[in-house]
Amino acid sequence: MTERSRSALVRGPDWLRIGPSALHWDGAALSIDIHETTFPIPSRFRGRVRVVPRALVMQPFALDAGGRHVWQPVATRADVEVTMHRPDLAWRGAGYFDSNFGAEPLESAFSIWQWTRAHAGSAEHVFYEGARRDGSRFTLGLGFDRSGAVTEIPLPPEHVLPRTGWLMPRITRADAGAEVRVRRTWEDTPFYARSALSTQIFGEPGDAVHESLSLDRLASPIVKLMLPYRMPRVIG
């Protein structure tokens, strides 16, 4: 991730370019060409990620009453192929693709959210919830079948996960009495954590990806001062 100015953004009906990196949709697959520089130790980071959705979900969900913030689960399950040249590595497996977009910064509307995407049995489940700045809460419990059809489902009970190294709170949803285990934490930052879980949903054991985002922390002046030391910033 590189912070860039507005002039670095160019887009068309089926492609998006930000600086030297770009995304292109050919009607069947999304190709993500990555041409970046690592940080804080500079080195070239080059490669391609190819995402082939097994089904497309074109239904957006508003996260606030005014519809200023929208989430869309584009592909709840996809075949993903990663081919990197710098460094030399490759990976192939199952993945997921979604999108958040809005008319104002996230920290203006929300204080915190928790998100879980679980693959259990033959279905995908997404549990999305958080607190808005006006004191209200939003909750989404959604199930997706192999065709991408969406069904609203009840939220299972809360399971409080161990806090991260930065003491980020983590809460997920799973069956009552189920053992939910953090297998690995991929991202552990002062305001955001992403983790792999072993879980159980509606009687089916499965794997899940969990995200916890604190917008209060992101809005903190101290965190904003730290961000340029974690990711490069290109002006102009």
C-alpha atoms as a PDB file:
ATOM      1  CA  MET A   1       0.000   0.000   0.000  1.00  0.00           C
ATOM      2  CA  THR A   2       1.248   3.425  -1.003  1.00  0.00           C
ATOM      3  CA  GLU A   3      -0.454   6.715  -0.272  1.00  0.00           C
ATOM      4  CA  ARG A   4      -0.687   8.708  -3.501  1.00  0.00           C
ATOM      5  CA  SER A   5      -2.236  11.965  -4.643  1.00  0.00           C
ATOM      6  CA  ARG A   6      -5.428  12.274  -6.698  1.00  0.00           C
ATOM      7  CA  SER A   7      -3.417  12.737  -9.900  1.00  0.00           C
ATOM      8  CA  ALA A   8      -2.122   9.134  -9.583  1.00  0.00           C
ATOM      9  CA  LEU A   9      -5.639   7.739 -10.089  1.00  0.00           C
ATOM     10  CA  VAL A  10      -6.914   6.872 -13.582  1.00  0.00           C
ATOM     11  CA  ARG A  11      -9.867   4.582 -14.314  1.00  0.00           C
ATOM     12  CA  GLY A  12     -12.107   3.202 -17.023  1.00  0.00           C
ATOM     13  CA  PRO A  13     -15.231   1.001 -17.152  1.00  0.00           C
ATOM     14  CA  ASP A  14     -13.300  -2.200 -16.401  1.00  0.00           C
ATOM     15  CA  TRP A  15      -9.903  -1.060 -15.136  1.00  0.00           C
ATOM     16  CA  LEU A  16      -8.316   1.040 -12.405  1.00  0.00           C
ATOM     17  CA  ARG A  17      -4.765   2.353 -12.194  1.00  0.00           C
ATOM     18  CA  ILE A  18      -3.182   3.894  -9.099  1.00  0.00           C
ATOM     19  CA  GLY A  19       0.375   4.959  -9.799  1.00  0.00           C
ATOM     20  CA  PRO A  20       2.223   2.052 -11.481  1.00  0.00           C
ATOM     21  CA  SER A  21      -0.168  -0.624 -10.121  1.00  0.00           C
ATOM     22  CA  ALA A  22      -3.434  -1.541 -11.836  1.00  0.00           C
ATOM     23  CA  LEU A  23      -6.537  -3.745 -11.752  1.00  0.00           C
ATOM     24  CA  HIS A  24      -8.332  -5.054 -14.844  1.00  0.00           C
ATOM     25  CA  TRP A  25     -11.594  -7.026 -15.176  1.00  0.00           C
ATOM     26  CA  ASP A  26     -11.947  -9.117 -18.359  1.00  0.00           C
ATOM     27  CA  GLY A  27     -15.456 -10.407 -17.675  1.00  0.00           C
ATOM     28  CA  ALA A  28     -14.306 -13.591 -15.981  1.00  0.00           C
ATOM     29  CA  ALA A  29     -11.295 -12.698 -13.848  1.00  0.00           C
ATOM     30  CA  LEU A  30      -9.794  -9.737 -12.025  1.00  0.00           C
ATOM     31  CA  SER A  31      -6.062  -9.258 -12.650  1.00  0.00           C
ATOM     32  CA  ILE A  32      -4.163  -7.157 -10.113  1.00  0.00           C
ATOM     33  CA  ASP A  33      -0.725  -6.062 -11.334  1.00  0.00           C
ATOM     34  CA  ILE A  34       1.464  -4.884  -8.470  1.00  0.00           C
ATOM     35  CA  HIS A  35       4.428  -2.571  -9.056  1.00  0.00           C
ATOM     36  CA  GLU A  36       5.367  -1.096  -5.713  1.00  0.00           C
ATOM     37  CA  THR A  37       8.301  -0.380  -3.411  1.00  0.00           C
ATOM     38  CA  THR A  38       8.531  -1.958   0.036  1.00  0.00           C
ATOM     39  CA  PHE A  39       8.831   0.167   3.150  1.00  0.00           C
ATOM     40  CA  PRO A  40      10.678   1.050   5.375  1.00  0.00           C
ATOM     41  CA  ILE A  41      13.521  -0.869   3.675  1.00  0.00           C
ATOM     42  CA  PRO A  42      13.136  -0.005  -0.040  1.00  0.00           C
ATOM     43  CA  SER A  43      13.071  -2.898  -2.506  1.00  0.00           C
ATOM     44  CA  ARG A  44      11.027  -3.738  -5.584  1.00  0.00           C
ATOM     45  CA  PHE A  45       7.731  -5.552  -5.111  1.00  0.00           C
ATOM     46  CA  ARG A  46       6.418  -6.964  -8.411  1.00  0.00           C
ATOM     47  CA  GLY A  47       3.846  -9.541  -9.393  1.00  0.00           C
ATOM     48  CA  ARG A  48       0.256 -10.383 -10.315  1.00  0.00           C
ATOM     49  CA  VAL A  49      -2.771 -11.634  -8.402  1.00  0.00           C
ATOM     50  CA  ARG A  50      -5.545 -13.240 -10.476  1.00  0.00           C
ATOM     51  CA  VAL A  51      -8.989 -13.596  -8.888  1.00  0.00           C
ATOM     52  CA  VAL A  52     -11.622 -15.787 -10.593  1.00  0.00           C
ATOM     53  CA  PRO A  53     -15.009 -15.525  -8.818  1.00  0.00           C
ATOM     54  CA  ARG A  54     -17.031 -18.715  -8.511  1.00  0.00           C
ATOM     55  CA  ALA A  55     -20.117 -16.480  -8.313  1.00  0.00           C
ATOM     56  CA  LEU A  56     -20.708 -12.718  -8.371  1.00  0.00           C
ATOM     57  CA  VAL A  57     -22.746 -10.931  -5.707  1.00  0.00           C
ATOM     58  CA  MET A  58     -23.915  -7.561  -7.024  1.00  0.00           C
ATOM     59  CA  GLN A  59     -26.082  -6.584  -4.036  1.00  0.00           C
ATOM     60  CA  PRO A  60     -24.768  -3.587  -2.021  1.00  0.00           C
ATOM     61  CA  PHE A  61     -25.532  -3.052   1.666  1.00  0.00           C
ATOM     62  CA  ALA A  62     -25.727   0.395   3.283  1.00  0.00           C
ATOM     63  CA  LEU A  63     -23.925   0.630   6.633  1.00  0.00           C
ATOM     64  CA  ASP A  64     -25.629   3.857   7.703  1.00  0.00           C
ATOM     65  CA  ALA A  65     -29.139   5.307   7.460  1.00  0.00           C
ATOM     66  CA  GLY A  66     -28.159   7.903   4.852  1.00  0.00           C
ATOM     67  CA  GLY A  67     -26.396   5.405   2.568  1.00  0.00           C
ATOM     68  CA  ARG A  68     -23.152   7.362   2.707  1.00  0.00           C
ATOM     69  CA  HIS A  69     -21.184   4.181   3.409  1.00  0.00           C
ATOM     70  CA  VAL A  70     -21.747   0.997   1.419  1.00  0.00           C
ATOM     71  CA  TRP A  71     -20.296  -2.485   1.536  1.00  0.00           C
ATOM     72  CA  GLN A  72     -20.552  -4.971  -1.325  1.00  0.00           C
ATOM     73  CA  PRO A  73     -19.484  -8.633  -1.207  1.00  0.00           C
ATOM     74  CA  VAL A  74     -18.393  -8.990  -4.844  1.00  0.00           C
ATOM     75  CA  ALA A  75     -17.170 -12.609  -4.694  1.00  0.00           C
ATOM     76  CA  THR A  76     -17.706 -14.536  -1.481  1.00  0.00           C
ATOM     77  CA  ARG A  77     -15.565 -17.377  -2.848  1.00  0.00           C
ATOM     78  CA  ALA A  78     -13.021 -17.226  -5.634  1.00  0.00           C
ATOM     79  CA  ASP A  79     -10.044 -19.103  -7.050  1.00  0.00           C
ATOM     80  CA  VAL A  80      -6.917 -17.047  -6.512  1.00  0.00           C
ATOM     81  CA  GLU A  81      -3.520 -17.376  -8.147  1.00  0.00           C
ATOM     82  CA  VAL A  82      -0.572 -15.297  -6.923  1.00  0.00           C
ATOM     83  CA  THR A  83       2.598 -15.043  -9.029  1.00  0.00           C
ATOM     84  CA  MET A  84       5.260 -12.725  -7.611  1.00  0.00           C
ATOM     85  CA  HIS A  85       8.565 -11.987  -9.328  1.00  0.00           C
ATOM     86  CA  ARG A  86      10.109  -9.817  -6.624  1.00  0.00           C
ATOM     87  CA  PRO A  87      10.211 -11.679  -4.282  1.00  0.00           C
ATOM     88  CA  ASP A  88      10.069 -14.995  -6.120  1.00  0.00           C
ATOM     89  CA  LEU A  89       7.022 -16.771  -4.692  1.00  0.00           C
ATOM     90  CA  ALA A  90       3.702 -18.222  -5.798  1.00  0.00           C
ATOM     91  CA  TRP A  91       0.462 -19.388  -4.204  1.00  0.00           C
ATOM     92  CA  ARG A  92      -2.848 -20.846  -5.364  1.00  0.00           C
ATOM     93  CA  GLY A  93      -5.999 -21.363  -3.320  1.00  0.00           C
ATOM     94  CA  ALA A  94      -9.432 -20.054  -2.361  1.00  0.00           C
ATOM     95  CA  GLY A  95     -10.088 -16.409  -1.613  1.00  0.00           C
ATOM     96  CA  TYR A  96     -12.651 -13.673  -1.220  1.00  0.00           C
ATOM     97  CA  PHE A  97     -13.220 -10.218  -2.700  1.00  0.00           C
ATOM     98  CA  ASP A  98     -15.367  -7.344  -1.420  1.00  0.00           C
ATOM     99  CA  SER A  99     -15.501  -3.550  -1.484  1.00  0.00           C
ATOM    100  CA  ASN A 100     -16.196  -0.670   0.891  1.00  0.00           C
ATOM    101  CA  PHE A 101     -16.942   2.748  -0.556  1.00  0.00           C
ATOM    102  CA  GLY A 102     -18.406   5.953   0.789  1.00  0.00           C
ATOM    103  CA  ALA A 103     -18.895   9.707   0.581  1.00  0.00           C
ATOM    104  CA  GLU A 104     -16.808  10.621   3.641  1.00  0.00           C
ATOM    105  CA  PRO A 105     -13.905   9.220   5.679  1.00  0.00           C
ATOM    106  CA  LEU A 106     -14.777   6.081   7.637  1.00  0.00           C
ATOM    107  CA  GLU A 107     -13.701   7.673  10.922  1.00  0.00           C
ATOM    108  CA  SER A 108     -16.344  10.371  10.425  1.00  0.00           C
ATOM    109  CA  ALA A 109     -19.163   7.818  10.616  1.00  0.00           C
ATOM    110  CA  PHE A 110     -17.937   4.883  12.722  1.00  0.00           C
ATOM    111  CA  SER A 111     -15.953   4.299  15.904  1.00  0.00           C
ATOM    112  CA  ILE A 112     -15.249   0.545  15.571  1.00  0.00           C
ATOM    113  CA  TRP A 113     -16.315  -2.510  13.605  1.00  0.00           C
ATOM    114  CA  GLN A 114     -15.858  -6.270  13.634  1.00  0.00           C
ATOM    115  CA  TRP A 115     -16.057  -8.413  10.491  1.00  0.00           C
ATOM    116  CA  THR A 116     -15.938 -12.186  10.010  1.00  0.00           C
ATOM    117  CA  ARG A 117     -16.123 -14.207   6.806  1.00  0.00           C
ATOM    118  CA  ALA A 118     -16.417 -17.945   7.456  1.00  0.00           C
ATOM    119  CA  HIS A 119     -16.426 -20.949   5.116  1.00  0.00           C
ATOM    120  CA  ALA A 120     -18.281 -23.770   6.862  1.00  0.00           C
ATOM    121  CA  GLY A 121     -19.746 -26.751   5.050  1.00  0.00           C
ATOM    122  CA  SER A 122     -21.004 -25.736   1.592  1.00  0.00           C
ATOM    123  CA  ALA A 123     -21.840 -22.122   2.493  1.00  0.00           C
ATOM    124  CA  GLU A 124     -20.108 -18.832   3.169  1.00  0.00           C
ATOM    125  CA  HIS A 125     -21.189 -16.635   6.071  1.00  0.00           C
ATOM    126  CA  VAL A 126     -20.400 -12.987   6.759  1.00  0.00           C
ATOM    127  CA  PHE A 127     -21.003 -11.274  10.090  1.00  0.00           C
ATOM    128  CA  TYR A 128     -20.465  -7.516  10.005  1.00  0.00           C
ATOM    129  CA  GLU A 129     -21.223  -5.197  12.916  1.00  0.00           C
ATOM    130  CA  GLY A 130     -20.056  -1.980  14.469  1.00  0.00           C
ATOM    131  CA  ALA A 131     -20.813   1.269  16.254  1.00  0.00           C
ATOM    132  CA  ARG A 132     -21.735   4.486  14.477  1.00  0.00           C
ATOM    133  CA  ARG A 133     -20.773   7.957  15.649  1.00  0.00           C
ATOM    134  CA  ASP A 134     -24.403   8.755  16.501  1.00  0.00           C
ATOM    135  CA  GLY A 135     -24.408   5.978  19.104  1.00  0.00           C
ATOM    136  CA  SER A 136     -26.420   3.470  17.054  1.00  0.00           C
ATOM    137  CA  ARG A 137     -25.137   0.110  15.845  1.00  0.00           C
ATOM    138  CA  PHE A 138     -25.283  -1.778  12.558  1.00  0.00           C
ATOM    139  CA  THR A 139     -25.360  -5.564  12.234  1.00  0.00           C
ATOM    140  CA  LEU A 140     -25.354  -7.820   9.196  1.00  0.00           C
ATOM    141  CA  GLY A 141     -25.659 -11.593   9.181  1.00  0.00           C
ATOM    142  CA  LEU A 142     -25.531 -12.988   5.641  1.00  0.00           C
ATOM    143  CA  GLY A 143     -25.294 -16.421   4.072  1.00  0.00           C
ATOM    144  CA  PHE A 144     -24.173 -17.099   0.484  1.00  0.00           C
ATOM    145  CA  ASP A 145     -24.706 -20.308  -1.484  1.00  0.00           C
ATOM    146  CA  ARG A 146     -22.663 -21.593  -4.424  1.00  0.00           C
ATOM    147  CA  SER A 147     -24.611 -19.447  -6.899  1.00  0.00           C
ATOM    148  CA  GLY A 148     -23.952 -16.260  -4.914  1.00  0.00           C
ATOM    149  CA  ALA A 149     -27.554 -15.937  -3.699  1.00  0.00           C
ATOM    150  CA  VAL A 150     -27.795 -13.915  -0.473  1.00  0.00           C
ATOM    151  CA  THR A 151     -29.867 -14.874   2.582  1.00  0.00           C
ATOM    152  CA  GLU A 152     -30.165 -12.914   5.807  1.00  0.00           C
ATOM    153  CA  ILE A 153     -29.273 -15.136   8.761  1.00  0.00           C
ATOM    154  CA  PRO A 154     -29.394 -14.635  12.542  1.00  0.00           C
ATOM    155  CA  LEU A 155     -26.152 -13.642  14.216  1.00  0.00           C
ATOM    156  CA  PRO A 156     -24.742 -16.468  16.370  1.00  0.00           C
ATOM    157  CA  PRO A 157     -23.546 -15.600  19.896  1.00  0.00           C
ATOM    158  CA  GLU A 158     -20.535 -13.346  20.455  1.00  0.00           C
ATOM    159  CA  HIS A 159     -17.137 -14.907  21.090  1.00  0.00           C
ATOM    160  CA  VAL A 160     -14.494 -12.619  22.554  1.00  0.00           C
ATOM    161  CA  LEU A 161     -11.057 -13.395  21.129  1.00  0.00           C
ATOM    162  CA  PRO A 162      -7.718 -12.589  22.804  1.00  0.00           C
ATOM    163  CA  ARG A 163      -6.551  -9.044  22.211  1.00  0.00           C
ATOM    164  CA  THR A 164      -3.671  -8.463  19.823  1.00  0.00           C
ATOM    165  CA  GLY A 165      -0.198  -7.238  20.669  1.00  0.00           C
ATOM    166  CA  TRP A 166      -1.508  -3.683  20.212  1.00  0.00           C
ATOM    167  CA  LEU A 167      -4.452  -4.593  22.510  1.00  0.00           C
ATOM    168  CA  MET A 168      -6.990  -4.382  19.705  1.00  0.00           C
ATOM    169  CA  PRO A 169     -10.331  -5.875  20.826  1.00  0.00           C
ATOM    170  CA  ARG A 170     -11.524  -8.804  18.689  1.00  0.00           C
ATOM    171  CA  ILE A 171     -15.083 -10.169  18.737  1.00  0.00           C
ATOM    172  CA  THR A 172     -16.472 -12.753  16.329  1.00  0.00           C
ATOM    173  CA  ARG A 173     -19.647 -14.821  15.971  1.00  0.00           C
ATOM    174  CA  ALA A 174     -19.855 -18.604  16.335  1.00  0.00           C
ATOM    175  CA  ASP A 175     -22.024 -21.366  17.770  1.00  0.00           C
ATOM    176  CA  ALA A 176     -22.698 -21.286  21.499  1.00  0.00           C
ATOM    177  CA  GLY A 177     -20.133 -23.425  23.307  1.00  0.00           C
ATOM    178  CA  ALA A 178     -17.943 -23.807  20.219  1.00  0.00           C
ATOM    179  CA  GLU A 179     -14.169 -23.540  20.506  1.00  0.00           C
ATOM    180  CA  VAL A 180     -12.998 -20.585  18.425  1.00  0.00           C
ATOM    181  CA  ARG A 181      -9.238 -20.387  18.012  1.00  0.00           C
ATOM    182  CA  VAL A 182      -6.972 -17.708  16.537  1.00  0.00           C
ATOM    183  CA  ARG A 183      -4.721 -19.700  14.223  1.00  0.00           C
ATOM    184  CA  ARG A 184      -2.644 -16.756  13.080  1.00  0.00           C
ATOM    185  CA  THR A 185      -2.689 -12.971  13.148  1.00  0.00           C
ATOM    186  CA  TRP A 186      -1.518 -11.604   9.802  1.00  0.00           C
ATOM    187  CA  GLU A 187      -1.876  -7.890  10.521  1.00  0.00           C
ATOM    188  CA  ASP A 188      -1.390  -6.391  13.984  1.00  0.00           C
ATOM    189  CA  THR A 189      -1.364  -2.589  13.963  1.00  0.00           C
ATOM    190  CA  PRO A 190      -2.465   0.089  16.452  1.00  0.00           C
ATOM    191  CA  PHE A 191      -5.869   0.437  14.711  1.00  0.00           C
ATOM    192  CA  TYR A 192      -6.407  -2.722  12.623  1.00  0.00           C
ATOM    193  CA  ALA A 193      -6.027  -6.489  12.989  1.00  0.00           C
ATOM    194  CA  ARG A 194      -6.631  -9.329  10.522  1.00  0.00           C
ATOM    195  CA  SER A 195      -6.582 -12.921  11.732  1.00  0.00           C
ATOM    196  CA  ALA A 196      -7.248 -16.504  10.649  1.00  0.00           C
ATOM    197  CA  LEU A 197      -9.667 -18.439  12.868  1.00  0.00           C
ATOM    198  CA  SER A 198     -10.855 -21.981  13.384  1.00  0.00           C
ATOM    199  CA  THR A 199     -14.560 -21.783  14.139  1.00  0.00           C
ATOM    200  CA  GLN A 200     -17.952 -23.481  14.047  1.00  0.00           C
ATOM    201  CA  ILE A 201     -21.050 -21.965  12.394  1.00  0.00           C
ATOM    202  CA  PHE A 202     -24.530 -23.571  12.589  1.00  0.00           C
ATOM    203  CA  GLY A 203     -23.025 -26.906  13.565  1.00  0.00           C
ATOM    204  CA  GLU A 204     -20.408 -26.949  10.782  1.00  0.00           C
ATOM    205  CA  PRO A 205     -16.677 -26.610  11.605  1.00  0.00           C
ATOM    206  CA  GLY A 206     -14.824 -24.238   9.314  1.00  0.00           C
ATOM    207  CA  ASP A 207     -12.185 -21.594   8.744  1.00  0.00           C
ATOM    208  CA  ALA A 208     -12.709 -17.860   9.006  1.00  0.00           C
ATOM    209  CA  VAL A 209     -10.978 -14.555   8.390  1.00  0.00           C
ATOM    210  CA  HIS A 210     -11.602 -11.901  11.008  1.00  0.00           C
ATOM    211  CA  GLU A 211     -11.011  -8.143  10.922  1.00  0.00           C
ATOM    212  CA  SER A 212     -11.170  -5.658  13.764  1.00  0.00           C
ATOM    213  CA  LEU A 213     -10.949  -1.937  12.950  1.00  0.00           C
ATOM    214  CA  SER A 214     -10.834   0.917  15.471  1.00  0.00           C
ATOM    215  CA  LEU A 215     -11.650   4.218  13.776  1.00  0.00           C
ATOM    216  CA  ASP A 216     -11.096   6.056  17.076  1.00  0.00           C
ATOM    217  CA  ARG A 217      -7.503   4.894  17.007  1.00  0.00           C
ATOM    218  CA  LEU A 218      -7.127   5.677  13.305  1.00  0.00           C
ATOM    219  CA  ALA A 219      -8.315   9.246  13.961  1.00  0.00           C
ATOM    220  CA  SER A 220      -5.789   9.687  16.770  1.00  0.00           C
ATOM    221  CA  PRO A 221      -3.076  12.285  15.975  1.00  0.00           C
ATOM    222  CA  ILE A 222      -0.441   9.895  17.339  1.00  0.00           C
ATOM    223  CA  VAL A 223      -1.455   7.125  14.922  1.00  0.00           C
ATOM    224  CA  LYS A 224      -1.560   9.572  12.014  1.00  0.00           C
ATOM    225  CA  LEU A 225       2.008  10.563  12.824  1.00  0.00           C
ATOM    226  CA  MET A 226       3.002   6.866  12.799  1.00  0.00           C
ATOM    227  CA  LEU A 227       1.414   6.017   9.424  1.00  0.00           C
ATOM    228  CA  PRO A 228       4.135   7.522   7.181  1.00  0.00           C
ATOM    229  CA  TYR A 229       6.668   5.249   8.892  1.00  0.00           C
ATOM    230  CA  ARG A 230       4.613   2.152   8.042  1.00  0.00           C
ATOM    231  CA  MET A 231       3.713   2.855   4.405  1.00  0.00           C
ATOM    232  CA  PRO A 232       5.362   5.000   1.714  1.00  0.00           C
ATOM    233  CA  ARG A 233       3.771   8.280   0.717  1.00  0.00           C
ATOM    234  CA  VAL A 234       4.216   9.662  -2.821  1.00  0.00           C
ATOM    235  CA  ILE A 235       3.152  13.270  -3.426  1.00  0.00           C
ATOM    236  CA  GLY A 236       2.426  14.462  -6.945  1.00  0.00           C
END
